[in-house]
Amino acid sequence: MPISRVNGINLSFEDTGRGEPVVMVMGSGSGGRAWHLYQVPALVAAGYRVVTFNSRGIPPTDPCADGFTIDDLVADTAGLVEHLGLGPCRFVGTSLGAHITQELCLARPELVSEAVLMATRGRTDVFRRAHGQAEREFHDRGNELPPRYAATLRAMQYLSPASLNEDKEIQDWLDIFEVAPVTRAPGYRAQMDIDITSSRLDAYRRIRARCLVVGFADDLILPPHLSREVADAIPGARYTQISDAGHYGYLERPDQVNAELLEFFSQRS
């Protein structure tokens, strides 16, 4: 994984395939390699060049544990695009990655031709605010759940009931979650502070990039009605919803997600 000096930090990235570029922006706590399970192979096979990266806070990118803002993450993403000479290009983001991409569309519109925004939002609400606060408090107290309990809790939060109720499928997920728990690295704690404190929906009405918003029907972390609000705010944006998918819908239902990505990109005017 190459590491380059971008926007004042050491940023790790991978550049795969040839063709028109697609930059993929991962959510909090995960590295860009998560895209390589399903989305990168599908996009490369379709003739795209795909760039994935570890956002600030996720090693081997600098952890920046003293803290950072959404503006820093946007500037990092823009800096990588300029470093590789890619813009304007397509972007795909999920969760925090979608938030970064939405703000990039406003801050650096000349870099974004199209954007796919998955499991996203343009505002917070009482429950999401309380949940984020609770997670930060739990982390800061140094508490750790037993691995098996942590795996089952993560499954209930991030997966669809359709996955939970399939014995073979959920056993595979539990095994993965138990051996690869959520990171407790200082940089991830800094990512946990990135939040939407006031509604950005009015601002998103100024986005001019062509956008597809993807909601996951069973997403408890960022439920689909919040994604639909983003689609309603962005002029001309299209909304689609993936059934039997939780917050990890791009991993749970990769065939459906990949089909939506490829169809959207193929319709570029």
Protein backbone atom coordinates (compact mmCIF):
# COMPACT_ATOMS: atom_id res chain seq x y z
CA MET A 1 0.00 0.00 0.00
CA PRO A 2 1.73 3.24 -1.12
CA ILE A 3 2.01 6.11 1.33
CA SER A 4 2.27 9.69 0.11
CA ARG A 5 2.47 13.06 1.80
CA VAL A 6 -0.95 14.60 1.24
CA ASN A 7 -2.42 17.68 2.95
CA GLY A 8 0.33 17.60 5.56
CA ILE A 9 -0.10 13.95 6.60
CA ASN A 10 1.13 10.55 5.48
CA LEU A 11 -1.83 9.00 3.67
CA SER A 12 -1.99 5.36 2.52
CA PHE A 13 -3.88 4.39 -0.61
CA GLU A 14 -4.25 1.72 -3.29
CA ASP A 15 -4.64 2.36 -7.00
CA THR A 16 -6.11 -0.57 -8.93
CA GLY A 17 -7.07 -1.08 -12.58
CA ARG A 18 -7.14 1.13 -15.62
CA GLY A 19 -9.79 3.36 -17.08
CA GLU A 20 -11.87 6.24 -15.77
CA PRO A 21 -11.15 6.75 -12.07
CA VAL A 22 -13.47 6.02 -9.15
CA VAL A 23 -12.41 7.15 -5.66
CA MET A 24 -13.96 5.14 -2.82
CA VAL A 25 -14.28 6.69 0.65
CA MET A 26 -14.78 4.32 3.58
CA GLY A 27 -16.76 4.89 6.78
CA SER A 28 -15.38 5.35 10.28
CA GLY A 29 -13.19 2.70 11.84
CA SER A 30 -12.45 0.82 8.62
CA GLY A 31 -9.68 0.97 6.06
CA GLY A 32 -10.06 1.21 2.32
CA ARG A 33 -9.33 -2.52 1.98
CA ALA A 34 -12.96 -3.23 2.89
CA TRP A 35 -13.93 -2.08 -0.61
CA HIS A 36 -11.62 -4.72 -2.11
CA LEU A 37 -13.81 -7.63 -1.04
CA TYR A 38 -16.55 -6.93 -3.57
CA GLN A 39 -16.72 -3.41 -5.01
CA VAL A 40 -13.18 -3.00 -6.35
CA PRO A 41 -13.17 -6.31 -8.31
CA ALA A 42 -16.54 -5.47 -9.88
CA LEU A 43 -15.50 -1.96 -10.88
CA VAL A 44 -12.10 -3.03 -12.22
CA ALA A 45 -13.75 -5.83 -14.23
CA ALA A 46 -16.06 -3.19 -15.71
CA GLY A 47 -13.07 -1.16 -16.88
CA TYR A 48 -12.63 1.40 -14.12
CA ARG A 49 -9.53 2.53 -12.26
CA VAL A 50 -10.32 2.40 -8.53
CA VAL A 51 -8.55 4.33 -5.77
CA THR A 52 -9.15 3.37 -2.14
CA PHE A 53 -7.46 4.84 0.91
CA ASN A 54 -7.28 4.84 4.68
CA SER A 55 -8.74 8.07 5.99
CA ARG A 56 -6.95 10.16 8.59
CA GLY A 57 -7.11 8.19 11.84
CA ILE A 58 -6.76 4.71 10.33
CA PRO A 59 -3.18 3.34 10.18
CA PRO A 60 -0.95 3.27 8.25
CA THR A 61 -2.32 6.74 7.46
CA ASP A 62 -1.33 9.12 10.25
CA PRO A 63 -3.66 8.64 13.24
CA CYS A 64 -3.81 12.36 14.12
CA ALA A 65 -5.06 11.30 17.54
CA ASP A 66 -5.16 14.88 18.83
CA GLY A 67 -8.29 15.34 16.74
CA PHE A 68 -9.47 16.60 13.38
CA THR A 69 -12.58 17.88 11.64
CA ILE A 70 -14.72 16.94 8.67
CA ASP A 71 -12.96 19.76 6.81
CA ASP A 72 -9.63 17.99 7.37
CA LEU A 73 -11.03 14.74 5.95
CA VAL A 74 -12.44 16.59 2.95
CA ALA A 75 -9.10 18.32 2.35
CA ASP A 76 -7.28 14.96 2.59
CA THR A 77 -9.58 13.46 -0.03
CA ALA A 78 -9.19 16.43 -2.33
CA GLY A 79 -5.43 16.35 -1.82
CA LEU A 80 -5.23 12.69 -2.82
CA VAL A 81 -7.25 13.34 -5.98
CA GLU A 82 -4.92 16.19 -6.91
CA HIS A 83 -1.82 14.18 -5.99
CA LEU A 84 -2.90 11.45 -8.43
CA GLY A 85 -4.17 13.90 -11.04
CA LEU A 86 -7.64 12.34 -11.13
CA GLY A 87 -10.22 15.12 -11.01
CA PRO A 88 -12.91 15.55 -11.98
CA CYS A 89 -13.89 11.96 -11.22
CA ARG A 90 -16.48 9.67 -9.69
CA PHE A 91 -16.75 9.05 -5.95
CA VAL A 92 -18.37 6.35 -3.83
CA GLY A 93 -18.75 6.87 -0.08
CA THR A 94 -20.49 5.03 2.73
CA SER A 95 -21.47 6.36 6.16
CA LEU A 96 -18.72 8.80 7.22
CA GLY A 97 -17.30 8.36 3.71
CA ALA A 98 -20.58 9.60 2.25
CA HIS A 99 -20.51 12.58 4.61
CA ILE A 100 -16.99 13.39 3.40
CA THR A 101 -18.08 13.07 -0.23
CA GLN A 102 -21.12 15.32 0.25
CA GLU A 103 -18.96 18.03 1.79
CA LEU A 104 -16.37 17.58 -0.97
CA CYS A 105 -19.11 18.23 -3.52
CA LEU A 106 -19.61 21.64 -1.88
CA ALA A 107 -16.01 22.53 -1.02
CA ARG A 108 -14.36 21.34 -4.25
CA PRO A 109 -17.10 20.86 -6.86
CA GLU A 110 -14.58 20.88 -9.70
CA LEU A 111 -13.20 17.54 -8.46
CA VAL A 112 -16.51 15.62 -8.47
CA SER A 113 -18.31 14.52 -11.61
CA GLU A 114 -20.59 11.92 -9.99
CA ALA A 115 -21.14 10.61 -6.48
CA VAL A 116 -22.74 7.53 -4.94
CA LEU A 117 -23.68 8.16 -1.32
CA MET A 118 -24.52 5.07 0.74
CA ALA A 119 -25.95 4.89 4.28
CA THR A 120 -25.77 8.64 4.68
CA ARG A 121 -27.51 11.55 6.38
CA GLY A 122 -27.67 15.31 6.31
CA ARG A 123 -28.70 15.86 9.92
CA THR A 124 -28.61 14.19 13.28
CA ASP A 125 -31.53 13.25 15.55
CA VAL A 126 -32.03 12.51 19.23
CA PHE A 127 -31.24 8.81 19.04
CA ARG A 128 -28.20 9.08 16.75
CA ARG A 129 -26.81 11.88 18.95
CA ALA A 130 -27.35 9.82 22.12
CA HIS A 131 -25.83 6.70 20.58
CA GLY A 132 -22.72 8.54 19.44
CA GLN A 133 -22.30 10.10 22.86
CA ALA A 134 -22.72 6.73 24.55
CA GLU A 135 -20.10 5.12 22.29
CA ARG A 136 -17.59 7.84 23.08
CA GLU A 137 -18.23 7.52 26.82
CA PHE A 138 -17.84 3.74 26.68
CA HIS A 139 -14.57 4.07 24.78
CA ASP A 140 -13.19 6.75 27.10
CA ARG A 141 -13.84 4.66 30.21
CA GLY A 142 -11.60 1.95 28.78
CA ASN A 143 -14.36 -0.65 28.91
CA GLU A 144 -14.05 -3.75 26.75
CA LEU A 145 -16.75 -6.29 26.05
CA PRO A 146 -15.94 -10.01 25.90
CA PRO A 147 -15.09 -10.81 22.25
CA ARG A 148 -18.06 -13.10 21.64
CA TYR A 149 -20.53 -10.66 23.16
CA ALA A 150 -19.00 -7.78 21.21
CA ALA A 151 -19.36 -9.81 18.00
CA THR A 152 -23.05 -10.57 18.60
CA LEU A 153 -23.80 -6.96 19.52
CA ARG A 154 -22.04 -5.71 16.39
CA ALA A 155 -24.00 -8.15 14.26
CA MET A 156 -27.31 -6.95 15.68
CA GLN A 157 -26.34 -3.32 15.09
CA TYR A 158 -24.81 -3.55 11.63
CA LEU A 159 -26.50 -6.46 9.85
CA SER A 160 -29.98 -7.16 8.55
CA PRO A 161 -32.34 -9.64 10.23
CA ALA A 162 -32.11 -11.54 6.95
CA SER A 163 -28.45 -12.24 7.76
CA LEU A 164 -29.05 -12.84 11.48
CA ASN A 165 -31.63 -15.52 10.71
CA GLU A 166 -29.45 -17.51 8.28
CA ASP A 167 -27.35 -19.84 10.43
CA LYS A 168 -24.44 -20.38 8.06
CA GLU A 169 -24.26 -16.73 7.02
CA ILE A 170 -24.41 -15.32 10.54
CA GLN A 171 -21.86 -17.81 11.85
CA ASP A 172 -19.41 -16.58 9.23
CA TRP A 173 -20.07 -12.98 10.25
CA LEU A 174 -19.66 -13.77 13.97
CA ASP A 175 -16.36 -15.50 13.31
CA ILE A 176 -15.11 -12.45 11.40
CA PHE A 177 -16.29 -9.99 14.05
CA GLU A 178 -14.70 -12.00 16.85
CA VAL A 179 -11.25 -12.22 15.26
CA ALA A 180 -11.39 -8.68 13.82
CA PRO A 181 -13.05 -6.49 16.46
CA VAL A 182 -13.70 -2.78 16.08
CA THR A 183 -10.41 -0.94 16.50
CA ARG A 184 -9.69 0.93 19.72
CA ALA A 185 -6.83 2.89 18.17
CA PRO A 186 -6.49 6.57 19.13
CA GLY A 187 -7.13 7.67 15.56
CA TYR A 188 -10.48 5.89 15.51
CA ARG A 189 -11.44 7.70 18.70
CA ALA A 190 -10.73 10.95 16.86
CA GLN A 191 -13.00 9.81 14.02
CA MET A 192 -15.78 9.21 16.56
CA ASP A 193 -15.87 12.96 17.22
CA ILE A 194 -16.86 13.70 13.62
CA ASP A 195 -20.58 14.40 13.74
CA ILE A 196 -23.25 16.56 12.16
CA THR A 197 -24.21 19.06 14.85
CA SER A 198 -26.73 20.98 12.74
CA SER A 199 -28.64 20.13 9.60
CA ARG A 200 -26.69 20.28 6.33
CA LEU A 201 -29.70 19.56 4.13
CA ASP A 202 -30.14 23.17 2.99
CA ALA A 203 -26.45 23.33 2.08
CA TYR A 204 -26.76 20.14 0.05
CA ARG A 205 -29.27 21.88 -2.20
CA ARG A 206 -26.22 23.58 -3.72
CA ILE A 207 -24.62 20.31 -4.83
CA ARG A 208 -24.42 20.13 -8.62
CA ALA A 209 -22.72 16.77 -9.15
CA ARG A 210 -24.87 13.95 -10.45
CA CYS A 211 -25.71 11.81 -7.39
CA LEU A 212 -27.13 8.43 -6.49
CA VAL A 213 -28.13 7.92 -2.85
CA VAL A 214 -28.39 4.34 -1.60
CA GLY A 215 -30.26 3.48 1.57
CA PHE A 216 -30.16 0.11 3.30
CA ALA A 217 -33.62 -1.01 4.37
CA ASP A 218 -32.61 -2.51 7.72
CA ASP A 219 -29.90 -0.02 8.67
CA LEU A 220 -30.18 0.78 12.41
CA ILE A 221 -27.12 3.05 12.50
CA LEU A 222 -28.27 5.43 9.73
CA PRO A 223 -31.80 4.38 8.77
CA PRO A 224 -32.89 4.83 5.16
CA HIS A 225 -35.22 7.76 5.80
CA LEU A 226 -32.12 9.86 6.62
CA SER A 227 -30.52 8.85 3.31
CA ARG A 228 -33.73 9.68 1.45
CA GLU A 229 -33.64 13.18 2.94
CA VAL A 230 -30.21 13.71 1.39
CA ALA A 231 -31.50 12.54 -1.99
CA ASP A 232 -34.47 14.89 -1.70
CA ALA A 233 -32.15 17.81 -0.92
CA ILE A 234 -29.63 17.33 -3.74
CA PRO A 235 -31.04 18.61 -7.04
CA GLY A 236 -31.67 15.78 -9.48
CA ALA A 237 -30.37 13.06 -7.14
CA ARG A 238 -31.79 9.57 -7.48
CA TYR A 239 -32.61 7.40 -4.47
CA THR A 240 -32.61 3.62 -4.35
CA GLN A 241 -33.01 1.23 -1.43
CA ILE A 242 -31.44 -2.19 -0.95
CA SER A 243 -33.65 -4.75 0.81
CA ASP A 244 -32.41 -7.17 3.49
CA ALA A 245 -29.37 -4.99 4.18
CA GLY A 246 -28.09 -3.29 7.32
CA HIS A 247 -25.39 -0.67 7.75
CA TYR A 248 -22.88 -3.06 6.17
CA GLY A 249 -25.13 -3.43 3.14
CA TYR A 250 -22.26 -3.09 0.68
CA LEU A 251 -20.83 -6.29 2.23
CA GLU A 252 -24.13 -8.05 2.93
CA ARG A 253 -25.67 -7.50 -0.51
CA PRO A 254 -22.68 -6.78 -2.74
CA ASP A 255 -24.29 -8.00 -5.97
CA GLN A 256 -27.19 -5.56 -5.62
CA VAL A 257 -24.92 -2.70 -4.56
CA ASN A 258 -22.47 -3.32 -7.39
CA ALA A 259 -25.30 -3.48 -9.92
CA GLU A 260 -26.56 -0.07 -8.75
CA LEU A 261 -23.07 1.43 -8.98
CA LEU A 262 -22.40 0.13 -12.46
CA GLU A 263 -25.80 1.07 -13.81
CA PHE A 264 -25.51 4.60 -12.42
CA PHE A 265 -22.03 5.11 -13.82
CA SER A 266 -23.05 3.72 -17.21
CA GLN A 267 -25.78 6.36 -17.53
CA ARG A 268 -23.38 9.28 -17.30
CA SER A 269 -24.50 11.97 -19.70
